[in-house]
Amino acid sequence: MRYIFCFFCFVLILSGCNKSYEPEENIVAVQTVKLPPKNESAAYDKSPDPAAPPVIKEKIEQKIIKEATLRFETDNIETAFNRIQNAATTNKARIINDSEGKDFATVFRNLTIKVPSQNFDRFISDISKGVSYFEVKSISAEDVTEQFIDLTSRLKTKKKLEERYLEILKKANKVSEILEIEEQISTIREEIDAKEGQLKYLESRVSESTITIEFYKTIAEKEGVKISYGSKLWTAIKSGFFSLSDLLISLLSVWPFIILFCLLAYFIRRRLKRKKA
């Protein structure tokens, strides 16, 4: 009996210890689980995904060809030319064509100028300062951005194709295969050179604008007084003589018709005389 009683007491003591230990475990469990505040979790949900790739917006540079045609009257040809030349020097432009001449009533000069596109508007403004009005002022701007992008894309594709053929050529063993591959490479190279030439031409027209300028001076009528009256009479006589010579030459060139006309007139007149008789 005593052993049973001791065993029962021992069980009671163990059960009491377990009950007293359980609250500590529950306290530890509650303390270890710490929820984040609502503000912090909301901020975390709104943060960007670090694994997502960054969005890069590529800006396409516009390719614009600018051209202009100008025509105006001036009182002094040399002064107008010097003004244009000074404007060209200031705006880093260059004169690629210069011609001058004289017609019945005017003395004129024509210029073709290449000016950097970024200085196009300023150059037009500089040469317009000394001009009262333009008889012709035509300015055009052609957007070739799409054409430029298309040529660039095609050129990259052709170059990649050429690289592939070159790699295949290194592995080729037969002479027939080598010749065929070299022929293909030659064709692709010609296309690459052609597209590179087109791109360079477009780039040159975009980087430098073309401006055509024509300016003239009207010849005053009083300048004709310098010619003497006798010279004018002699000029008129010579002009009349040359006109008469031209008429005689024209008549000689149609002499068969003149003879036929004379014969026809003679027979008609003779017939009329017979009827009267």
C-alpha atoms as a PDB file:
ATOM      1  CA  MET A   1       0.000   0.000   0.000  1.00  0.00           C
ATOM      2  CA  ARG A   2       2.761   2.374   0.856  1.00  0.00           C
ATOM      3  CA  TYR A   3       4.388   1.841  -2.555  1.00  0.00           C
ATOM      4  CA  ILE A   4       1.137   2.478  -4.342  1.00  0.00           C
ATOM      5  CA  PHE A   5       0.626   5.672  -2.386  1.00  0.00           C
ATOM      6  CA  CYS A   6       4.170   6.860  -3.193  1.00  0.00           C
ATOM      7  CA  PHE A   7       3.645   6.099  -6.882  1.00  0.00           C
ATOM      8  CA  PHE A   8       0.366   8.007  -6.896  1.00  0.00           C
ATOM      9  CA  CYS A   9       2.018  11.024  -5.243  1.00  0.00           C
ATOM     10  CA  PHE A  10       4.835  10.922  -7.775  1.00  0.00           C
ATOM     11  CA  VAL A  11       2.316  10.977 -10.656  1.00  0.00           C
ATOM     12  CA  LEU A  12       0.497  13.932  -9.110  1.00  0.00           C
ATOM     13  CA  ILE A  13       3.760  15.855  -8.755  1.00  0.00           C
ATOM     14  CA  LEU A  14       4.692  15.220 -12.426  1.00  0.00           C
ATOM     15  CA  SER A  15       1.264  16.314 -13.635  1.00  0.00           C
ATOM     16  CA  GLY A  16       1.550  19.517 -11.613  1.00  0.00           C
ATOM     17  CA  CYS A  17       4.916  20.279 -13.101  1.00  0.00           C
ATOM     18  CA  ASN A  18       3.569  19.808 -16.640  1.00  0.00           C
ATOM     19  CA  LYS A  19       0.686  22.200 -15.999  1.00  0.00           C
ATOM     20  CA  SER A  20       2.997  24.820 -14.591  1.00  0.00           C
ATOM     21  CA  TYR A  21       5.338  24.549 -17.613  1.00  0.00           C
ATOM     22  CA  GLU A  22       2.655  24.864 -20.314  1.00  0.00           C
ATOM     23  CA  PRO A  23       1.999  28.606 -19.927  1.00  0.00           C
ATOM     24  CA  GLU A  24       5.701  29.397 -20.453  1.00  0.00           C
ATOM     25  CA  GLU A  25       5.700  27.532 -23.757  1.00  0.00           C
ATOM     26  CA  ASN A  26       2.584  29.378 -24.829  1.00  0.00           C
ATOM     27  CA  ILE A  27       4.220  32.707 -23.903  1.00  0.00           C
ATOM     28  CA  VAL A  28       7.365  31.847 -25.873  1.00  0.00           C
ATOM     29  CA  ALA A  29       5.293  30.822 -28.881  1.00  0.00           C
ATOM     30  CA  VAL A  30       3.355  34.057 -28.857  1.00  0.00           C
ATOM     31  CA  GLN A  31       6.484  36.152 -28.512  1.00  0.00           C
ATOM     32  CA  THR A  32       8.319  34.496 -31.439  1.00  0.00           C
ATOM     33  CA  VAL A  33       5.513  35.106 -33.990  1.00  0.00           C
ATOM     34  CA  LYS A  34       5.671  38.844 -34.791  1.00  0.00           C
ATOM     35  CA  LEU A  35       3.390  40.143 -37.538  1.00  0.00           C
ATOM     36  CA  PRO A  36       4.507  43.140 -39.588  1.00  0.00           C
ATOM     37  CA  PRO A  37       2.578  46.398 -39.211  1.00  0.00           C
ATOM     38  CA  LYS A  38      -0.172  47.130 -41.736  1.00  0.00           C
ATOM     39  CA  ASN A  39       1.642  50.172 -43.137  1.00  0.00           C
ATOM     40  CA  GLU A  40       4.836  48.244 -43.742  1.00  0.00           C
ATOM     41  CA  SER A  41       3.080  45.339 -45.462  1.00  0.00           C
ATOM     42  CA  ALA A  42       1.159  47.727 -47.716  1.00  0.00           C
ATOM     43  CA  ALA A  43       4.378  49.466 -48.654  1.00  0.00           C
ATOM     44  CA  TYR A  44       5.977  46.105 -49.380  1.00  0.00           C
ATOM     45  CA  ASP A  45       3.082  45.087 -51.642  1.00  0.00           C
ATOM     46  CA  LYS A  46       3.437  48.278 -53.693  1.00  0.00           C
ATOM     47  CA  SER A  47       7.203  47.948 -54.216  1.00  0.00           C
ATOM     48  CA  PRO A  48       8.322  46.991 -57.801  1.00  0.00           C
ATOM     49  CA  ASP A  49       9.342  43.485 -58.626  1.00  0.00           C
ATOM     50  CA  PRO A  50      13.165  43.367 -58.628  1.00  0.00           C
ATOM     51  CA  ALA A  51      13.120  40.498 -61.126  1.00  0.00           C
ATOM     52  CA  ALA A  52      11.234  42.547 -63.764  1.00  0.00           C
ATOM     53  CA  PRO A  53      13.516  44.050 -66.490  1.00  0.00           C
ATOM     54  CA  PRO A  54      13.752  47.861 -66.587  1.00  0.00           C
ATOM     55  CA  VAL A  55      11.737  49.616 -69.281  1.00  0.00           C
ATOM     56  CA  ILE A  56      14.063  51.625 -71.582  1.00  0.00           C
ATOM     57  CA  LYS A  57      12.484  54.104 -73.947  1.00  0.00           C
ATOM     58  CA  GLU A  58      14.739  54.537 -76.967  1.00  0.00           C
ATOM     59  CA  LYS A  59      14.526  58.000 -78.522  1.00  0.00           C
ATOM     60  CA  ILE A  60      14.686  57.963 -82.328  1.00  0.00           C
ATOM     61  CA  GLU A  61      16.575  60.917 -83.799  1.00  0.00           C
ATOM     62  CA  GLN A  62      14.702  62.543 -86.665  1.00  0.00           C
ATOM     63  CA  LYS A  63      16.438  62.769 -90.038  1.00  0.00           C
ATOM     64  CA  ILE A  64      15.234  65.834 -91.953  1.00  0.00           C
ATOM     65  CA  ILE A  65      16.531  67.174 -95.279  1.00  0.00           C
ATOM     66  CA  LYS A  66      16.179  70.954 -95.573  1.00  0.00           C
ATOM     67  CA  GLU A  67      16.395  72.909 -98.821  1.00  0.00           C
ATOM     68  CA  ALA A  68      15.697  76.508 -99.849  1.00  0.00           C
ATOM     69  CA  THR A  69      15.452  78.587-103.041  1.00  0.00           C
ATOM     70  CA  LEU A  70      15.719  82.389-102.835  1.00  0.00           C
ATOM     71  CA  ARG A  71      15.481  85.115-105.491  1.00  0.00           C
ATOM     72  CA  PHE A  72      15.602  88.864-104.915  1.00  0.00           C
ATOM     73  CA  GLU A  73      16.559  92.171-106.538  1.00  0.00           C
ATOM     74  CA  THR A  74      19.434  94.299-105.288  1.00  0.00           C
ATOM     75  CA  ASP A  75      20.924  97.716-106.047  1.00  0.00           C
ATOM     76  CA  ASN A  76      24.501  96.455-105.898  1.00  0.00           C
ATOM     77  CA  ILE A  77      25.562  92.956-106.929  1.00  0.00           C
ATOM     78  CA  GLU A  78      28.917  93.082-105.114  1.00  0.00           C
ATOM     79  CA  THR A  79      27.408  94.337-101.857  1.00  0.00           C
ATOM     80  CA  ALA A  80      24.808  91.564-101.889  1.00  0.00           C
ATOM     81  CA  PHE A  81      27.477  88.966-102.606  1.00  0.00           C
ATOM     82  CA  ASN A  82      29.700  90.231 -99.773  1.00  0.00           C
ATOM     83  CA  ARG A  83      26.768  90.069 -97.355  1.00  0.00           C
ATOM     84  CA  ILE A  84      26.011  86.481 -98.357  1.00  0.00           C
ATOM     85  CA  GLN A  85      29.689  85.563 -98.118  1.00  0.00           C
ATOM     86  CA  ASN A  86      29.921  86.998 -94.590  1.00  0.00           C
ATOM     87  CA  ALA A  87      26.800  85.078 -93.543  1.00  0.00           C
ATOM     88  CA  ALA A  88      28.325  81.908 -95.002  1.00  0.00           C
ATOM     89  CA  THR A  89      31.526  82.409 -93.012  1.00  0.00           C
ATOM     90  CA  THR A  90      29.616  83.062 -89.788  1.00  0.00           C
ATOM     91  CA  ASN A  91      27.452  79.959 -90.180  1.00  0.00           C
ATOM     92  CA  LYS A  92      30.265  77.669 -91.432  1.00  0.00           C
ATOM     93  CA  ALA A  93      28.678  77.358 -94.881  1.00  0.00           C
ATOM     94  CA  ARG A  94      30.499  76.863 -98.176  1.00  0.00           C
ATOM     95  CA  ILE A  95      29.759  78.061-101.702  1.00  0.00           C
ATOM     96  CA  ILE A  96      29.898  75.116-104.108  1.00  0.00           C
ATOM     97  CA  ASN A  97      28.685  76.890-107.243  1.00  0.00           C
ATOM     98  CA  ASP A  98      29.010  80.530-108.357  1.00  0.00           C
ATOM     99  CA  SER A  99      27.886  81.813-111.751  1.00  0.00           C
ATOM    100  CA  GLU A 100      27.005  85.252-113.099  1.00  0.00           C
ATOM    101  CA  GLY A 101      25.736  86.719-116.340  1.00  0.00           C
ATOM    102  CA  LYS A 102      23.783  89.428-118.111  1.00  0.00           C
ATOM    103  CA  ASP A 103      20.606  89.427-120.172  1.00  0.00           C
ATOM    104  CA  PHE A 104      18.632  92.191-121.904  1.00  0.00           C
ATOM    105  CA  ALA A 105      17.526  94.092-118.788  1.00  0.00           C
ATOM    106  CA  THR A 106      19.399  92.630-115.781  1.00  0.00           C
ATOM    107  CA  VAL A 107      22.774  91.612-114.419  1.00  0.00           C
ATOM    108  CA  PHE A 108      22.465  88.489-112.253  1.00  0.00           C
ATOM    109  CA  ARG A 109      24.460  86.094-110.080  1.00  0.00           C
ATOM    110  CA  ASN A 110      23.552  82.560-108.953  1.00  0.00           C
ATOM    111  CA  LEU A 111      24.978  80.787-105.878  1.00  0.00           C
ATOM    112  CA  THR A 112      24.580  77.274-104.540  1.00  0.00           C
ATOM    113  CA  ILE A 113      25.505  77.017-100.868  1.00  0.00           C
ATOM    114  CA  LYS A 114      25.885  74.095 -98.461  1.00  0.00           C
ATOM    115  CA  VAL A 115      25.185  75.039 -94.838  1.00  0.00           C
ATOM    116  CA  PRO A 116      25.127  72.814 -91.703  1.00  0.00           C
ATOM    117  CA  SER A 117      21.529  71.915 -90.898  1.00  0.00           C
ATOM    118  CA  GLN A 118      21.743  73.311 -87.378  1.00  0.00           C
ATOM    119  CA  ASN A 119      22.658  76.730 -88.878  1.00  0.00           C
ATOM    120  CA  PHE A 120      20.031  76.661 -91.653  1.00  0.00           C
ATOM    121  CA  ASP A 121      17.485  79.009 -90.053  1.00  0.00           C
ATOM    122  CA  ARG A 122      20.121  81.431 -88.806  1.00  0.00           C
ATOM    123  CA  PHE A 123      21.740  81.647 -92.261  1.00  0.00           C
ATOM    124  CA  ILE A 124      18.375  82.427 -93.897  1.00  0.00           C
ATOM    125  CA  SER A 125      17.780  85.095 -91.265  1.00  0.00           C
ATOM    126  CA  ASP A 126      21.236  86.659 -91.803  1.00  0.00           C
ATOM    127  CA  ILE A 127      20.886  87.070 -95.568  1.00  0.00           C
ATOM    128  CA  SER A 128      17.288  88.293 -95.237  1.00  0.00           C
ATOM    129  CA  LYS A 129      18.311  91.374 -93.243  1.00  0.00           C
ATOM    130  CA  GLY A 130      19.467  93.337 -96.307  1.00  0.00           C
ATOM    131  CA  VAL A 131      16.608  92.265 -98.591  1.00  0.00           C
ATOM    132  CA  SER A 132      13.441  94.370 -98.862  1.00  0.00           C
ATOM    133  CA  TYR A 133      11.400  91.494-100.281  1.00  0.00           C
ATOM    134  CA  PHE A 134      11.917  88.104-101.944  1.00  0.00           C
ATOM    135  CA  GLU A 135      10.443  87.422-105.361  1.00  0.00           C
ATOM    136  CA  VAL A 136      10.919  83.721-104.618  1.00  0.00           C
ATOM    137  CA  LYS A 137      11.357  82.210-101.161  1.00  0.00           C
ATOM    138  CA  SER A 138      10.780  78.462-101.082  1.00  0.00           C
ATOM    139  CA  ILE A 139      11.802  76.393 -98.028  1.00  0.00           C
ATOM    140  CA  SER A 140      11.177  72.644 -97.804  1.00  0.00           C
ATOM    141  CA  ALA A 141      11.809  70.004 -95.135  1.00  0.00           C
ATOM    142  CA  GLU A 142      11.658  66.278 -95.986  1.00  0.00           C
ATOM    143  CA  ASP A 143      11.515  63.724 -93.169  1.00  0.00           C
ATOM    144  CA  VAL A 144      13.566  60.639 -94.130  1.00  0.00           C
ATOM    145  CA  THR A 145      13.670  59.053 -90.650  1.00  0.00           C
ATOM    146  CA  GLU A 146      11.669  56.000 -91.705  1.00  0.00           C
ATOM    147  CA  GLN A 147      13.846  55.473 -94.781  1.00  0.00           C
ATOM    148  CA  PHE A 148      16.993  55.822 -92.672  1.00  0.00           C
ATOM    149  CA  ILE A 149      15.768  53.269 -90.089  1.00  0.00           C
ATOM    150  CA  ASP A 150      14.739  50.822 -92.818  1.00  0.00           C
ATOM    151  CA  LEU A 151      18.146  51.021 -94.525  1.00  0.00           C
ATOM    152  CA  THR A 152      19.966  50.610 -91.201  1.00  0.00           C
ATOM    153  CA  SER A 153      17.914  47.530 -90.309  1.00  0.00           C
ATOM    154  CA  ARG A 154      18.471  45.935 -93.714  1.00  0.00           C
ATOM    155  CA  LEU A 155      22.188  46.670 -93.513  1.00  0.00           C
ATOM    156  CA  LYS A 156      22.488  44.931 -90.116  1.00  0.00           C
ATOM    157  CA  THR A 157      20.638  41.900 -91.472  1.00  0.00           C
ATOM    158  CA  LYS A 158      22.933  41.667 -94.491  1.00  0.00           C
ATOM    159  CA  LYS A 159      26.041  41.942 -92.327  1.00  0.00           C
ATOM    160  CA  LYS A 160      24.833  39.137 -90.032  1.00  0.00           C
ATOM    161  CA  LEU A 161      24.128  36.995 -93.105  1.00  0.00           C
ATOM    162  CA  GLU A 162      27.614  37.711 -94.407  1.00  0.00           C
ATOM    163  CA  GLU A 163      29.126  36.620 -91.084  1.00  0.00           C
ATOM    164  CA  ARG A 164      27.199  33.332 -91.241  1.00  0.00           C
ATOM    165  CA  TYR A 165      28.436  32.641 -94.753  1.00  0.00           C
ATOM    166  CA  LEU A 166      31.997  33.394 -93.677  1.00  0.00           C
ATOM    167  CA  GLU A 167      31.674  30.856 -90.856  1.00  0.00           C
ATOM    168  CA  ILE A 168      30.321  28.265 -93.297  1.00  0.00           C
ATOM    169  CA  LEU A 169      33.174  29.036 -95.690  1.00  0.00           C
ATOM    170  CA  LYS A 170      35.704  28.136 -92.997  1.00  0.00           C
ATOM    171  CA  LYS A 171      34.125  24.686 -92.646  1.00  0.00           C
ATOM    172  CA  ALA A 172      33.722  23.989 -96.384  1.00  0.00           C
ATOM    173  CA  ASN A 173      35.998  21.307 -97.900  1.00  0.00           C
ATOM    174  CA  LYS A 174      34.819  20.863-101.481  1.00  0.00           C
ATOM    175  CA  VAL A 175      35.877  23.309-104.179  1.00  0.00           C
ATOM    176  CA  SER A 176      32.319  23.520-105.546  1.00  0.00           C
ATOM    177  CA  GLU A 177      30.969  24.445-102.104  1.00  0.00           C
ATOM    178  CA  ILE A 178      33.690  27.065-101.623  1.00  0.00           C
ATOM    179  CA  LEU A 179      32.950  28.668-105.005  1.00  0.00           C
ATOM    180  CA  GLU A 180      29.210  28.717-104.367  1.00  0.00           C
ATOM    181  CA  ILE A 181      29.632  30.273-100.914  1.00  0.00           C
ATOM    182  CA  GLU A 182      32.065  32.882-102.236  1.00  0.00           C
ATOM    183  CA  GLU A 183      29.563  33.821-104.924  1.00  0.00           C
ATOM    184  CA  GLN A 184      26.876  34.310-102.289  1.00  0.00           C
ATOM    185  CA  ILE A 185      29.244  36.393-100.160  1.00  0.00           C
ATOM    186  CA  SER A 186      30.118  38.557-103.168  1.00  0.00           C
ATOM    187  CA  THR A 187      26.423  39.221-103.871  1.00  0.00           C
ATOM    188  CA  ILE A 188      25.758  40.107-100.227  1.00  0.00           C
ATOM    189  CA  ARG A 189      28.811  42.370-100.123  1.00  0.00           C
ATOM    190  CA  GLU A 190      27.538  44.301-103.169  1.00  0.00           C
ATOM    191  CA  GLU A 191      24.192  44.813-101.442  1.00  0.00           C
ATOM    192  CA  ILE A 192      25.956  45.950 -98.257  1.00  0.00           C
ATOM    193  CA  ASP A 193      28.069  48.467-100.199  1.00  0.00           C
ATOM    194  CA  ALA A 194      24.980  49.801-101.980  1.00  0.00           C
ATOM    195  CA  LYS A 195      23.060  50.293 -98.731  1.00  0.00           C
ATOM    196  CA  GLU A 196      26.066  51.894 -97.045  1.00  0.00           C
ATOM    197  CA  GLY A 197      26.301  54.299 -99.987  1.00  0.00           C
ATOM    198  CA  GLN A 198      22.606  55.175 -99.660  1.00  0.00           C
ATOM    199  CA  LEU A 199      23.014  55.772 -95.929  1.00  0.00           C
ATOM    200  CA  LYS A 200      26.034  58.030 -96.482  1.00  0.00           C
ATOM    201  CA  TYR A 201      24.137  59.989 -99.135  1.00  0.00           C
ATOM    202  CA  LEU A 202      21.145  60.461 -96.828  1.00  0.00           C
ATOM    203  CA  GLU A 203      23.409  61.400 -93.936  1.00  0.00           C
ATOM    204  CA  SER A 204      25.211  64.012 -96.054  1.00  0.00           C
ATOM    205  CA  ARG A 205      21.916  65.568 -97.176  1.00  0.00           C
ATOM    206  CA  VAL A 206      20.649  65.588 -93.593  1.00  0.00           C
ATOM    207  CA  SER A 207      23.826  67.060 -92.110  1.00  0.00           C
ATOM    208  CA  GLU A 208      24.172  69.783 -94.794  1.00  0.00           C
ATOM    209  CA  SER A 209      21.282  71.754 -96.270  1.00  0.00           C
ATOM    210  CA  THR A 210      21.314  73.101 -99.832  1.00  0.00           C
ATOM    211  CA  ILE A 211      20.372  76.722-100.499  1.00  0.00           C
ATOM    212  CA  THR A 212      20.111  78.194-104.013  1.00  0.00           C
ATOM    213  CA  ILE A 213      20.276  81.989-104.210  1.00  0.00           C
ATOM    214  CA  GLU A 214      19.690  84.151-107.277  1.00  0.00           C
ATOM    215  CA  PHE A 215      20.055  87.922-107.002  1.00  0.00           C
ATOM    216  CA  TYR A 216      20.025  90.471-109.821  1.00  0.00           C
ATOM    217  CA  LYS A 217      20.225  94.185-110.642  1.00  0.00           C
ATOM    218  CA  THR A 218      17.999  95.872-113.183  1.00  0.00           C
ATOM    219  CA  ILE A 219      19.915  97.881-115.813  1.00  0.00           C
ATOM    220  CA  ALA A 220      18.685 101.486-115.918  1.00  0.00           C
ATOM    221  CA  GLU A 221      17.397 102.804-119.269  1.00  0.00           C
ATOM    222  CA  LYS A 222      19.515 105.954-118.986  1.00  0.00           C
ATOM    223  CA  GLU A 223      22.615 103.842-119.521  1.00  0.00           C
ATOM    224  CA  GLY A 224      21.551 103.645-123.167  1.00  0.00           C
ATOM    225  CA  VAL A 225      22.390 107.370-123.619  1.00  0.00           C
ATOM    226  CA  LYS A 226      26.059 106.421-123.669  1.00  0.00           C
ATOM    227  CA  ILE A 227      25.502 105.114-127.241  1.00  0.00           C
ATOM    228  CA  SER A 228      25.659 107.940-129.803  1.00  0.00           C
ATOM    229  CA  TYR A 229      22.774 108.753-132.140  1.00  0.00           C
ATOM    230  CA  GLY A 230      24.880 108.012-135.233  1.00  0.00           C
ATOM    231  CA  SER A 231      25.709 104.571-133.865  1.00  0.00           C
ATOM    232  CA  LYS A 232      22.021 103.896-133.380  1.00  0.00           C
ATOM    233  CA  LEU A 233      21.296 104.912-137.041  1.00  0.00           C
ATOM    234  CA  TRP A 234      24.095 102.731-138.351  1.00  0.00           C
ATOM    235  CA  THR A 235      22.835  99.815-136.246  1.00  0.00           C
ATOM    236  CA  ALA A 236      19.309 100.324-137.670  1.00  0.00           C
ATOM    237  CA  ILE A 237      20.663 100.407-141.276  1.00  0.00           C
ATOM    238  CA  LYS A 238      22.620  97.217-140.720  1.00  0.00           C
ATOM    239  CA  SER A 239      19.599  95.589-139.183  1.00  0.00           C
ATOM    240  CA  GLY A 240      17.466  96.534-142.206  1.00  0.00           C
ATOM    241  CA  PHE A 241      20.115  95.268-144.614  1.00  0.00           C
ATOM    242  CA  PHE A 242      20.314  91.941-142.796  1.00  0.00           C
ATOM    243  CA  SER A 243      16.510  91.692-142.857  1.00  0.00           C
ATOM    244  CA  LEU A 244      16.448  92.327-146.635  1.00  0.00           C
ATOM    245  CA  SER A 245      19.178  89.723-147.130  1.00  0.00           C
ATOM    246  CA  ASP A 246      17.190  87.209-145.150  1.00  0.00           C
ATOM    247  CA  LEU A 247      14.127  87.930-147.289  1.00  0.00           C
ATOM    248  CA  LEU A 248      16.047  87.432-150.566  1.00  0.00           C
ATOM    249  CA  ILE A 249      17.552  84.189-149.284  1.00  0.00           C
ATOM    250  CA  SER A 250      14.074  83.008-148.322  1.00  0.00           C
ATOM    251  CA  LEU A 251      12.739  83.846-151.799  1.00  0.00           C
ATOM    252  CA  LEU A 252      15.614  82.025-153.490  1.00  0.00           C
ATOM    253  CA  SER A 253      14.884  78.935-151.435  1.00  0.00           C
ATOM    254  CA  VAL A 254      11.335  78.797-152.927  1.00  0.00           C
ATOM    255  CA  TRP A 255      12.203  79.717-156.563  1.00  0.00           C
ATOM    256  CA  PRO A 256      10.393  76.701-158.134  1.00  0.00           C
ATOM    257  CA  PHE A 257       7.110  77.846-156.626  1.00  0.00           C
ATOM    258  CA  ILE A 258       7.692  81.396-157.860  1.00  0.00           C
ATOM    259  CA  ILE A 259       8.196  80.160-161.471  1.00  0.00           C
ATOM    260  CA  LEU A 260       5.064  78.017-161.290  1.00  0.00           C
ATOM    261  CA  PHE A 261       3.094  80.974-159.973  1.00  0.00           C
ATOM    262  CA  CYS A 262       4.345  83.226-162.799  1.00  0.00           C
ATOM    263  CA  LEU A 263       3.463  80.655-165.486  1.00  0.00           C
ATOM    264  CA  LEU A 264       0.025  80.114-164.010  1.00  0.00           C
ATOM    265  CA  ALA A 265      -0.613  83.876-163.940  1.00  0.00           C
ATOM    266  CA  TYR A 266       0.531  84.218-167.581  1.00  0.00           C
ATOM    267  CA  PHE A 267      -1.842  81.504-168.878  1.00  0.00           C
ATOM    268  CA  ILE A 268      -4.770  82.876-166.888  1.00  0.00           C
ATOM    269  CA  ARG A 269      -4.191  86.389-168.256  1.00  0.00           C
ATOM    270  CA  ARG A 270      -3.843  85.100-171.837  1.00  0.00           C
ATOM    271  CA  ARG A 271      -7.104  83.167-171.572  1.00  0.00           C
ATOM    272  CA  LEU A 272      -8.950  86.168-170.299  1.00  0.00           C
ATOM    273  CA  LYS A 273      -7.699  88.267-173.260  1.00  0.00           C
ATOM    274  CA  ARG A 274      -9.016  85.628-175.720  1.00  0.00           C
ATOM    275  CA  LYS A 275     -12.463  85.674-174.134  1.00  0.00           C
ATOM    276  CA  LYS A 276     -12.614  89.461-174.472  1.00  0.00           C
ATOM    277  CA  ALA A 277     -11.570  89.269-178.142  1.00  0.00           C
END
